[in-house]
Amino acid sequence: MKTDFNPFLDPAPKEIPLTDSPLVRVIAQVQFPAQLGLVERPTISEIQKAIGAEFPVLEEQKLNSFIFNLAMGEAEGNFQPQSSPELQWRFSHPETGFVLQINSTSITFETGGYTSRTDFFDRFLTCLQNIHKHTPIQFASRLGVRYIDRVPLSRCQAIHTMICPPFRGLSGLPFGRPVLSDLHDFLVPVEKEGGVLHGRMGFLPMNATIDPIVLPPHPEPNWVLDLDLFRQGTMFPFEPEILAKDASSFALRIYGVFRWIVGDEFLKEFGGKP
């Protein structure tokens, strides 16, 4: 990696495959104004016919959100939460590990068995096209791509030496005693992609997590790298081809930041040939 490489401006370096990759989750999501017809059974039935070969398992889920009403009168000052369940459909394949979740305000595509950027975003495009065919969504409000790496310290105790110095934190200092938790957070605009990159990384103690929904707690200390690039703030057209293309460009930017954070020794440790 060139010393003057700017991961937020320069093109991403050539990709180096990792045969033992620490990547545990990749997520692409598009959000939009409520489309109540999208989650109706006739619509989901048509979508299932189109994508059933790729996602043979379909589950109906209920997402619970809460509305807090301020009670007046005798109970003034008390908050009374009310549950407001929302319908969500989860398509999945038990062998490939791909999951597609659809609710009235978002489409989420993810996997724990990532093989390549091309394969992942081709599949994402196919999902968007089939959904859009049956529910012509006009505008999107958010597009996001997220890559999460995790390395248990039992797998690589020298992980802190394989990270570029600015990101080693307290773990890179000679205190003579272990650092149980050491997390870092940054938020950087990326003008070319028209979005913002949110990065979180560091060392977690056993049974801890930075996000229980997508990263379950691990039974031993581990190092995590969570890179999330998203565009939001103003509405933009819901055009499947453009959304998938932009999402793929988000992934390239994330890869450039990943390569900026880790060194060649990290790549070698996980099967790469820099």
Protein backbone atom coordinates (compact mmCIF):
# COMPACT_ATOMS: atom_id res chain seq x y z
CA MET A 1 0.00 0.00 0.00
CA LYS A 2 1.38 3.40 -0.96
CA THR A 3 2.17 5.66 1.99
CA ASP A 4 0.31 8.58 0.38
CA PHE A 5 -2.85 6.55 -0.33
CA ASN A 6 -6.02 8.43 0.61
CA PRO A 7 -8.79 5.85 1.17
CA PHE A 8 -11.57 8.45 1.03
CA LEU A 9 -10.50 9.93 -2.34
CA ASP A 10 -8.23 7.56 -4.26
CA PRO A 11 -9.42 4.52 -6.24
CA ALA A 12 -9.37 1.29 -4.26
CA PRO A 13 -6.28 -0.90 -4.70
CA LYS A 14 -6.41 -4.19 -6.57
CA GLU A 15 -8.34 -6.71 -4.54
CA ILE A 16 -6.39 -9.49 -2.83
CA PRO A 17 -8.51 -12.60 -2.11
CA LEU A 18 -8.25 -14.01 1.42
CA THR A 19 -8.65 -17.78 1.58
CA ASP A 20 -9.35 -17.62 5.33
CA SER A 21 -11.19 -14.31 5.43
CA PRO A 22 -12.29 -12.85 8.80
CA LEU A 23 -15.34 -11.31 7.08
CA VAL A 24 -18.43 -12.47 8.99
CA ARG A 25 -21.26 -10.38 7.54
CA VAL A 26 -22.01 -8.26 4.47
CA ILE A 27 -25.22 -6.24 4.28
CA ALA A 28 -26.83 -4.10 1.58
CA GLN A 29 -30.00 -2.20 2.41
CA VAL A 30 -32.29 0.29 0.71
CA GLN A 31 -34.93 2.23 2.67
CA PHE A 32 -37.95 4.07 1.28
CA PRO A 33 -41.27 5.70 2.27
CA ALA A 34 -43.83 3.18 3.52
CA GLN A 35 -45.15 0.78 0.85
CA LEU A 36 -47.98 -1.02 2.61
CA GLY A 37 -48.80 -3.17 -0.41
CA LEU A 38 -45.27 -4.59 -0.47
CA VAL A 39 -45.86 -6.82 2.56
CA GLU A 40 -49.32 -8.04 1.58
CA ARG A 41 -49.54 -11.79 1.01
CA PRO A 42 -50.49 -11.63 -2.72
CA THR A 43 -47.43 -9.43 -3.41
CA ILE A 44 -45.09 -11.63 -1.39
CA SER A 45 -46.52 -14.70 -3.14
CA GLU A 46 -45.58 -13.26 -6.55
CA ILE A 47 -42.11 -12.35 -5.33
CA GLN A 48 -41.68 -15.86 -3.94
CA LYS A 49 -42.52 -17.34 -7.34
CA ALA A 50 -39.79 -15.21 -8.91
CA ILE A 51 -37.00 -15.81 -6.40
CA GLY A 52 -38.01 -19.08 -4.75
CA ALA A 53 -35.18 -21.05 -6.36
CA GLU A 54 -32.59 -18.77 -4.78
CA PHE A 55 -34.48 -18.39 -1.50
CA PRO A 56 -36.45 -21.60 -0.84
CA VAL A 57 -37.29 -20.77 2.79
CA LEU A 58 -39.86 -18.07 3.58
CA GLU A 59 -40.74 -16.97 7.12
CA GLU A 60 -43.27 -14.46 8.36
CA GLN A 61 -41.92 -12.28 11.16
CA LYS A 62 -43.34 -9.57 13.39
CA LEU A 63 -41.15 -6.59 14.26
CA ASN A 64 -42.20 -4.89 17.47
CA SER A 65 -41.88 -1.13 17.68
CA PHE A 66 -43.09 0.95 20.61
CA ILE A 67 -45.06 4.19 20.74
CA PHE A 68 -44.79 6.22 23.94
CA ASN A 69 -47.83 8.30 24.83
CA LEU A 70 -47.64 10.85 27.62
CA ALA A 71 -50.60 10.17 29.92
CA MET A 72 -52.50 13.23 31.14
CA GLY A 73 -54.92 13.79 34.01
CA GLU A 74 -54.41 11.72 37.13
CA ALA A 75 -51.46 9.86 35.62
CA GLU A 76 -49.81 12.98 34.26
CA GLY A 77 -46.10 12.54 33.76
CA ASN A 78 -46.26 8.80 33.16
CA PHE A 79 -45.20 7.27 29.86
CA GLN A 80 -47.41 4.46 28.57
CA PRO A 81 -45.68 2.42 25.86
CA GLN A 82 -47.87 0.74 23.26
CA SER A 83 -46.62 -2.06 21.03
CA SER A 84 -47.03 -1.57 17.28
CA PRO A 85 -46.10 -4.82 15.46
CA GLU A 86 -44.88 -4.57 11.87
CA LEU A 87 -44.91 -7.39 9.35
CA GLN A 88 -41.65 -8.56 7.81
CA TRP A 89 -40.90 -11.41 5.40
CA ARG A 90 -37.60 -13.29 5.56
CA PHE A 91 -36.42 -15.25 2.50
CA SER A 92 -33.34 -17.42 2.96
CA HIS A 93 -31.31 -20.36 1.70
CA PRO A 94 -29.91 -22.66 4.41
CA GLU A 95 -26.95 -23.76 2.27
CA THR A 96 -25.77 -20.55 0.59
CA GLY A 97 -26.39 -18.36 3.65
CA PHE A 98 -28.06 -15.56 1.68
CA VAL A 99 -30.95 -13.76 3.37
CA LEU A 100 -33.46 -11.27 1.98
CA GLN A 101 -35.71 -9.36 4.39
CA ILE A 102 -38.64 -7.27 3.21
CA ASN A 103 -40.83 -4.95 5.24
CA SER A 104 -42.90 -1.89 4.35
CA THR A 105 -39.96 0.55 4.57
CA SER A 106 -36.82 -1.42 3.67
CA ILE A 107 -35.23 -4.23 1.67
CA THR A 108 -32.20 -5.86 3.29
CA PHE A 109 -29.92 -8.37 1.57
CA GLU A 110 -27.13 -10.04 3.52
CA THR A 111 -24.87 -13.05 3.81
CA GLY A 112 -22.37 -14.69 6.10
CA GLY A 113 -20.90 -16.60 3.14
CA TYR A 114 -19.55 -13.78 0.99
CA THR A 115 -17.46 -14.88 -2.01
CA SER A 116 -17.06 -11.81 -4.21
CA ARG A 117 -18.35 -8.29 -4.74
CA THR A 118 -19.64 -9.15 -8.24
CA ASP A 119 -21.63 -12.17 -7.04
CA PHE A 120 -23.12 -10.36 -4.05
CA PHE A 121 -24.30 -7.26 -5.92
CA ASP A 122 -25.55 -9.23 -8.93
CA ARG A 123 -27.78 -11.11 -6.50
CA PHE A 124 -28.79 -7.83 -4.83
CA LEU A 125 -29.77 -6.41 -8.23
CA THR A 126 -31.89 -9.47 -9.04
CA CYS A 127 -33.76 -9.09 -5.74
CA LEU A 128 -34.42 -5.39 -6.32
CA GLN A 129 -35.63 -6.00 -9.88
CA ASN A 130 -38.08 -8.70 -8.85
CA ILE A 131 -39.44 -6.68 -5.95
CA HIS A 132 -39.75 -3.52 -8.06
CA LYS A 133 -41.62 -5.48 -10.74
CA HIS A 134 -44.41 -6.26 -8.29
CA THR A 135 -44.29 -3.06 -6.23
CA PRO A 136 -43.04 -0.10 -8.29
CA ILE A 137 -41.42 1.93 -5.51
CA GLN A 138 -40.71 5.46 -6.77
CA PHE A 139 -38.16 6.88 -4.32
CA ALA A 140 -35.53 5.68 -1.87
CA SER A 141 -34.49 7.54 1.28
CA ARG A 142 -31.35 5.61 2.22
CA LEU A 143 -28.86 3.25 0.61
CA GLY A 144 -26.26 1.51 2.75
CA VAL A 145 -23.56 -1.16 2.49
CA ARG A 146 -21.84 -2.68 5.50
CA TYR A 147 -18.88 -5.06 5.89
CA ILE A 148 -18.04 -6.59 9.29
CA ASP A 149 -14.83 -8.46 10.12
CA ARG A 150 -14.15 -10.31 13.36
CA VAL A 151 -10.95 -11.98 14.58
CA PRO A 152 -11.02 -14.00 17.84
CA LEU A 153 -7.77 -13.37 19.70
CA SER A 154 -7.24 -17.11 20.02
CA ARG A 155 -7.04 -17.16 16.22
CA CYS A 156 -4.43 -14.41 16.06
CA GLN A 157 -3.04 -12.99 19.30
CA ALA A 158 -0.69 -10.66 17.38
CA ILE A 159 -3.57 -8.93 15.58
CA HIS A 160 -2.68 -5.53 17.07
CA THR A 161 0.71 -5.64 15.28
CA MET A 162 -1.03 -6.17 11.92
CA ILE A 163 -3.14 -3.02 12.14
CA CYS A 164 -1.78 0.34 11.03
CA PRO A 165 -0.48 2.33 14.06
CA PRO A 166 -3.23 5.03 14.12
CA PHE A 167 -5.82 2.30 14.76
CA ARG A 168 -4.05 0.27 17.44
CA GLY A 169 -5.28 2.48 20.27
CA LEU A 170 -4.29 1.58 23.82
CA SER A 171 -3.66 -1.98 22.69
CA GLY A 172 -0.60 -0.78 20.81
CA LEU A 173 1.02 0.82 23.87
CA PRO A 174 3.42 -1.00 26.24
CA PHE A 175 1.36 -0.86 29.45
CA GLY A 176 2.48 -4.30 30.58
CA ARG A 177 -1.13 -5.32 31.25
CA PRO A 178 -4.03 -6.36 28.99
CA VAL A 179 -6.54 -3.86 27.61
CA LEU A 180 -9.95 -5.52 27.92
CA SER A 181 -11.88 -3.16 25.66
CA ASP A 182 -10.61 -0.53 23.23
CA LEU A 183 -13.02 0.80 20.57
CA HIS A 184 -12.70 3.61 18.04
CA ASP A 185 -15.27 5.39 15.92
CA PHE A 186 -15.06 7.72 12.91
CA LEU A 187 -17.47 9.35 10.48
CA VAL A 188 -16.10 10.70 7.17
CA PRO A 189 -17.97 12.14 4.16
CA VAL A 190 -17.08 10.56 0.80
CA GLU A 191 -18.05 13.01 -1.90
CA LYS A 192 -17.55 10.73 -4.91
CA GLU A 193 -20.12 8.26 -3.61
CA GLY A 194 -22.33 11.03 -2.22
CA GLY A 195 -22.42 9.45 1.20
CA VAL A 196 -20.80 9.07 4.60
CA LEU A 197 -18.54 6.29 5.83
CA HIS A 198 -18.99 5.22 9.45
CA GLY A 199 -16.20 3.08 10.85
CA ARG A 200 -16.04 1.26 14.18
CA MET A 201 -13.16 -0.94 15.21
CA GLY A 202 -11.25 -2.24 18.16
CA PHE A 203 -10.99 -4.93 20.79
CA LEU A 204 -14.00 -6.38 22.58
CA PRO A 205 -14.04 -8.51 25.74
CA MET A 206 -15.77 -11.89 25.79
CA ASN A 207 -19.57 -11.90 25.37
CA ALA A 208 -19.63 -8.29 24.18
CA THR A 209 -20.77 -6.77 20.89
CA ILE A 210 -21.15 -3.42 19.16
CA ASP A 211 -24.43 -4.45 17.52
CA PRO A 212 -26.36 -7.48 18.83
CA ILE A 213 -28.61 -7.63 15.74
CA VAL A 214 -25.87 -8.26 13.16
CA LEU A 215 -22.91 -9.28 15.35
CA PRO A 216 -23.84 -11.72 18.13
CA PRO A 217 -21.61 -11.67 21.22
CA HIS A 218 -18.55 -13.91 20.99
CA PRO A 219 -17.48 -16.22 23.85
CA GLU A 220 -13.89 -14.95 23.77
CA PRO A 221 -12.06 -11.62 23.32
CA ASN A 222 -11.99 -10.48 19.70
CA TRP A 223 -11.06 -7.68 17.32
CA VAL A 224 -13.81 -6.23 15.11
CA LEU A 225 -13.87 -3.92 12.10
CA ASP A 226 -17.29 -2.57 11.08
CA LEU A 227 -17.38 -0.33 7.98
CA ASP A 228 -20.73 1.14 6.92
CA LEU A 229 -21.09 3.49 3.92
CA PHE A 230 -24.51 5.08 3.43
CA ARG A 231 -26.32 7.82 1.52
CA GLN A 232 -29.34 9.53 3.04
CA GLY A 233 -30.87 12.95 3.66
CA THR A 234 -32.68 13.56 0.38
CA MET A 235 -34.90 11.30 -1.68
CA PHE A 236 -33.50 9.73 -4.85
CA PRO A 237 -35.13 7.55 -7.54
CA PHE A 238 -35.64 3.87 -6.77
CA GLU A 239 -34.01 2.43 -9.88
CA PRO A 240 -32.71 -1.11 -9.24
CA GLU A 241 -29.81 -0.97 -11.71
CA ILE A 242 -28.52 2.34 -10.36
CA LEU A 243 -29.01 1.32 -6.74
CA ALA A 244 -27.05 -1.91 -7.24
CA LYS A 245 -24.30 -0.11 -9.15
CA ASP A 246 -23.98 2.56 -6.46
CA ALA A 247 -23.98 -0.10 -3.74
CA SER A 248 -21.12 -1.89 -5.52
CA SER A 249 -19.17 1.38 -5.66
CA PHE A 250 -19.79 1.77 -1.90
CA ALA A 251 -18.23 -1.67 -1.44
CA LEU A 252 -15.14 -0.63 -3.39
CA ARG A 253 -14.70 2.44 -1.20
CA ILE A 254 -15.07 0.26 1.90
CA TYR A 255 -12.42 -2.09 0.55
CA GLY A 256 -10.02 0.81 0.12
CA VAL A 257 -10.55 1.82 3.75
CA PHE A 258 -10.10 -1.79 4.87
CA ARG A 259 -6.76 -2.00 3.08
CA TRP A 260 -5.73 1.33 4.64
CA ILE A 261 -6.44 0.00 8.14
CA VAL A 262 -4.77 -3.42 7.89
CA GLY A 263 -1.22 -4.17 6.81
CA ASP A 264 0.34 -6.79 4.54
CA GLU A 265 0.96 -9.09 7.49
CA PHE A 266 -2.77 -9.13 8.16
CA LEU A 267 -3.45 -10.13 4.54
CA LYS A 268 -0.84 -12.91 4.72
CA GLU A 269 -2.23 -14.19 8.02
CA PHE A 270 -5.63 -14.75 6.40
CA GLY A 271 -4.45 -16.35 3.19
CA GLY A 272 -3.72 -13.34 1.00
CA LYS A 273 -0.71 -12.81 -1.28
CA PRO A 274 0.06 -9.08 -1.30
